[in-house]
Amino acid sequence: MALLGTMTMGCDDVGGVPSWERCRSALGNPIIEWPGRDLGIIFPLLIAIAVGIVTWWLLGRSVLFRRR
């Protein structure tokens, strides 16, 4: 979900309009346009991996998932 929420799916080429107003993610929310054209997928992937690691860490510390 973090990857879909941060990966730019398309931007309208409108001059003078900031990327926040003209770019949408796969989930439809407004998003900034990542720099790097072909390497632009790296930033959303890093965010998705970081969110996954934090979620895994939090679930590991949760009382509900501790082994007895």
C-alpha atoms as a PDB file:
ATOM      1  CA  MET A   1       0.000   0.000   0.000  1.00  0.00           C
ATOM      2  CA  ALA A   2       2.872   2.369   0.768  1.00  0.00           C
ATOM      3  CA  LEU A   3       4.323   1.755  -2.694  1.00  0.00           C
ATOM      4  CA  LEU A   4       0.987   2.433  -4.417  1.00  0.00           C
ATOM      5  CA  GLY A   5       0.469   5.546  -2.331  1.00  0.00           C
ATOM      6  CA  THR A   6       3.857   7.049  -3.130  1.00  0.00           C
ATOM      7  CA  MET A   7       4.522   5.979  -6.731  1.00  0.00           C
ATOM      8  CA  THR A   8       3.635   8.594  -9.322  1.00  0.00           C
ATOM      9  CA  MET A   9       1.331   7.100 -11.940  1.00  0.00           C
ATOM     10  CA  GLY A  10       0.851  10.125 -14.124  1.00  0.00           C
ATOM     11  CA  CYS A  11       1.318  13.874 -14.310  1.00  0.00           C
ATOM     12  CA  ASP A  12      -0.444  16.382 -16.491  1.00  0.00           C
ATOM     13  CA  ASP A  13       2.014  18.661 -18.254  1.00  0.00           C
ATOM     14  CA  VAL A  14       0.620  22.035 -17.268  1.00  0.00           C
ATOM     15  CA  GLY A  15       3.055  24.919 -17.166  1.00  0.00           C
ATOM     16  CA  GLY A  16       3.337  26.872 -13.929  1.00  0.00           C
ATOM     17  CA  VAL A  17       1.364  24.362 -11.855  1.00  0.00           C
ATOM     18  CA  PRO A  18       3.213  22.635  -8.984  1.00  0.00           C
ATOM     19  CA  SER A  19       3.555  18.853  -9.172  1.00  0.00           C
ATOM     20  CA  TRP A  20       1.383  18.434  -6.063  1.00  0.00           C
ATOM     21  CA  GLU A  21      -1.626  19.680  -8.024  1.00  0.00           C
ATOM     22  CA  ARG A  22      -0.999  17.843 -11.297  1.00  0.00           C
ATOM     23  CA  CYS A  23       0.390  14.419 -10.258  1.00  0.00           C
ATOM     24  CA  ARG A  24      -1.606  11.455  -8.927  1.00  0.00           C
ATOM     25  CA  SER A  25      -0.554   8.147  -7.394  1.00  0.00           C
ATOM     26  CA  ALA A  26      -1.995   4.717  -8.170  1.00  0.00           C
ATOM     27  CA  LEU A  27      -4.470   5.243  -5.314  1.00  0.00           C
ATOM     28  CA  GLY A  28      -5.575   8.586  -6.758  1.00  0.00           C
ATOM     29  CA  ASN A  29      -4.142  10.869  -4.097  1.00  0.00           C
ATOM     30  CA  PRO A  30      -2.087  13.949  -5.048  1.00  0.00           C
ATOM     31  CA  ILE A  31       1.667  13.456  -4.875  1.00  0.00           C
ATOM     32  CA  ILE A  32       4.903  15.183  -5.740  1.00  0.00           C
ATOM     33  CA  GLU A  33       6.763  14.135  -8.867  1.00  0.00           C
ATOM     34  CA  TRP A  34       9.870  12.173  -7.922  1.00  0.00           C
ATOM     35  CA  PRO A  35      13.113  13.308  -9.563  1.00  0.00           C
ATOM     36  CA  GLY A  36      15.187  11.047 -11.736  1.00  0.00           C
ATOM     37  CA  ARG A  37      12.853   9.923 -14.539  1.00  0.00           C
ATOM     38  CA  ASP A  38      13.904   6.256 -14.965  1.00  0.00           C
ATOM     39  CA  LEU A  39      15.257   6.040 -11.408  1.00  0.00           C
ATOM     40  CA  GLY A  40      12.151   7.708  -9.982  1.00  0.00           C
ATOM     41  CA  ILE A  41      10.803   4.318  -8.810  1.00  0.00           C
ATOM     42  CA  ILE A  42      13.646   4.001  -6.272  1.00  0.00           C
ATOM     43  CA  PHE A  43      12.194   6.596  -3.874  1.00  0.00           C
ATOM     44  CA  PRO A  44       8.744   4.945  -3.577  1.00  0.00           C
ATOM     45  CA  LEU A  45      10.396   1.527  -3.213  1.00  0.00           C
ATOM     46  CA  LEU A  46      12.583   2.778  -0.355  1.00  0.00           C
ATOM     47  CA  ILE A  47       9.559   4.288   1.383  1.00  0.00           C
ATOM     48  CA  ALA A  48       7.587   1.043   0.956  1.00  0.00           C
ATOM     49  CA  ILE A  49      10.469  -1.041   2.322  1.00  0.00           C
ATOM     50  CA  ALA A  50      10.869   1.306   5.302  1.00  0.00           C
ATOM     51  CA  VAL A  51       7.142   1.128   6.101  1.00  0.00           C
ATOM     52  CA  GLY A  52       7.294  -2.678   5.856  1.00  0.00           C
ATOM     53  CA  ILE A  53      10.273  -2.886   8.215  1.00  0.00           C
ATOM     54  CA  VAL A  54       8.640  -0.575  10.770  1.00  0.00           C
ATOM     55  CA  THR A  55       5.396  -2.583  10.602  1.00  0.00           C
ATOM     56  CA  TRP A  56       7.313  -5.846  11.040  1.00  0.00           C
ATOM     57  CA  TRP A  57       9.217  -4.382  13.989  1.00  0.00           C
ATOM     58  CA  LEU A  58       6.049  -3.090  15.660  1.00  0.00           C
ATOM     59  CA  LEU A  59       4.271  -6.423  15.221  1.00  0.00           C
ATOM     60  CA  GLY A  60       7.304  -8.211  16.677  1.00  0.00           C
ATOM     61  CA  ARG A  61       7.108  -6.031  19.783  1.00  0.00           C
ATOM     62  CA  SER A  62       3.346  -6.469  20.110  1.00  0.00           C
ATOM     63  CA  VAL A  63       2.040  -8.499  23.022  1.00  0.00           C
ATOM     64  CA  LEU A  64      -0.497 -10.248  20.767  1.00  0.00           C
ATOM     65  CA  PHE A  65       2.198 -11.826  18.588  1.00  0.00           C
ATOM     66  CA  ARG A  66       4.691 -12.849  21.263  1.00  0.00           C
ATOM     67  CA  ARG A  67       5.444 -16.524  21.583  1.00  0.00           C
ATOM     68  CA  ARG A  68       4.926 -18.122  24.945  1.00  0.00           C
END
